[in-house]
Amino acid sequence: MDAEDRQRYLQQLSHLRTLLDARNRIKEVAQIVVDSPSDDEAAANVQHLLHCSDTAARHVISTPLRMYRRGEELALEITELELALEQP
């Protein structure tokens, strides 16, 4: 795996972990979105809650709710990426 692929995998892994964390804290994430007067404030509050990047927080708040049903799939994708990253 070259450096560019590795970086892409690491970024994807970070986003998937954030989505899984958001799924596991969906009530808190939803409350933040509902209570925030703007997307910028919602993203900032989600970023603080999940300890993630601004980009990941914006992805969380823009992800349709039905996507959060994919908990097991997200966990599997995370495992697959982790295994791929362990390869030389």
Protein backbone atom coordinates (compact mmCIF):
# COMPACT_ATOMS: atom_id res chain seq x y z
CA MET A 1 0.00 0.00 0.00
CA ASP A 2 1.45 3.35 -0.95
CA ALA A 3 1.43 6.45 1.25
CA GLU A 4 -1.52 8.01 -0.57
CA ASP A 5 -3.70 4.90 -0.12
CA ARG A 6 -2.66 4.64 3.52
CA GLN A 7 -3.66 8.26 4.15
CA ARG A 8 -7.00 7.71 2.42
CA TYR A 9 -7.64 4.57 4.50
CA LEU A 10 -6.76 6.39 7.72
CA GLN A 11 -9.13 9.22 6.88
CA GLN A 12 -11.91 6.79 5.99
CA LEU A 13 -11.27 4.87 9.22
CA SER A 14 -11.55 8.06 11.25
CA HIS A 15 -14.84 8.98 9.59
CA LEU A 16 -16.30 5.49 10.09
CA ARG A 17 -15.31 5.48 13.76
CA THR A 18 -16.95 8.88 14.18
CA LEU A 19 -20.15 7.65 12.49
CA LEU A 20 -20.23 4.59 14.75
CA ASP A 21 -19.67 6.77 17.80
CA ALA A 22 -22.46 9.09 16.62
CA ARG A 23 -24.73 6.08 16.12
CA ASN A 24 -24.02 4.93 19.66
CA ARG A 25 -24.80 8.44 20.96
CA ILE A 26 -27.61 9.22 18.50
CA LYS A 27 -29.91 10.79 21.09
CA GLU A 28 -27.24 13.27 22.16
CA VAL A 29 -26.29 14.02 18.55
CA ALA A 30 -29.93 14.57 17.57
CA GLN A 31 -30.50 16.84 20.56
CA ILE A 32 -27.49 18.94 19.59
CA VAL A 33 -28.75 19.31 16.03
CA VAL A 34 -32.27 20.21 17.18
CA ASP A 35 -31.03 22.73 19.75
CA SER A 36 -28.45 24.43 17.53
CA PRO A 37 -29.49 27.58 15.66
CA SER A 38 -27.15 26.81 12.74
CA ASP A 39 -25.27 23.98 11.07
CA ASP A 40 -21.99 25.59 12.10
CA GLU A 41 -22.95 25.52 15.77
CA ALA A 42 -24.32 21.98 15.47
CA ALA A 43 -21.07 20.82 13.86
CA ALA A 44 -18.98 22.53 16.53
CA ASN A 45 -21.03 20.92 19.32
CA VAL A 46 -20.93 17.47 17.69
CA GLN A 47 -17.18 17.89 17.21
CA HIS A 48 -16.83 18.60 20.92
CA LEU A 49 -19.11 15.70 21.91
CA LEU A 50 -17.40 13.11 19.71
CA HIS A 51 -13.86 14.51 19.86
CA CYS A 52 -13.59 14.47 16.08
CA SER A 53 -12.54 16.77 13.25
CA ASP A 54 -14.76 19.52 11.88
CA THR A 55 -15.09 17.57 8.63
CA ALA A 56 -16.21 14.43 10.47
CA ALA A 57 -18.70 16.40 12.59
CA ARG A 58 -20.21 17.96 9.48
CA HIS A 59 -20.46 14.50 7.94
CA VAL A 60 -22.29 13.27 11.07
CA ILE A 61 -24.88 16.05 10.98
CA SER A 62 -25.47 15.67 7.24
CA THR A 63 -25.83 11.88 7.30
CA PRO A 64 -29.45 10.78 6.87
CA LEU A 65 -30.85 9.13 10.00
CA ARG A 66 -31.54 5.86 8.18
CA MET A 67 -27.77 5.42 7.69
CA TYR A 68 -27.32 5.03 11.44
CA ARG A 69 -29.06 1.64 11.24
CA ARG A 70 -25.80 0.29 9.81
CA GLY A 71 -24.08 -0.24 13.17
CA GLU A 72 -22.87 -3.77 12.48
CA GLU A 73 -21.85 -2.86 8.93
CA LEU A 74 -19.88 0.13 10.20
CA ALA A 75 -18.08 -2.03 12.74
CA LEU A 76 -17.24 -4.57 10.02
CA GLU A 77 -15.93 -1.85 7.68
CA ILE A 78 -13.78 -0.50 10.53
CA THR A 79 -12.32 -3.96 11.17
CA GLU A 80 -11.59 -4.49 7.48
CA LEU A 81 -9.80 -1.14 7.21
CA GLU A 82 -7.80 -1.82 10.36
CA LEU A 83 -6.69 -5.16 8.93
CA ALA A 84 -5.77 -3.58 5.60
CA LEU A 85 -3.71 -0.95 7.40
CA GLU A 86 -1.78 -3.66 9.29
CA GLN A 87 -0.54 -5.07 5.99
CA PRO A 88 2.91 -3.85 4.87
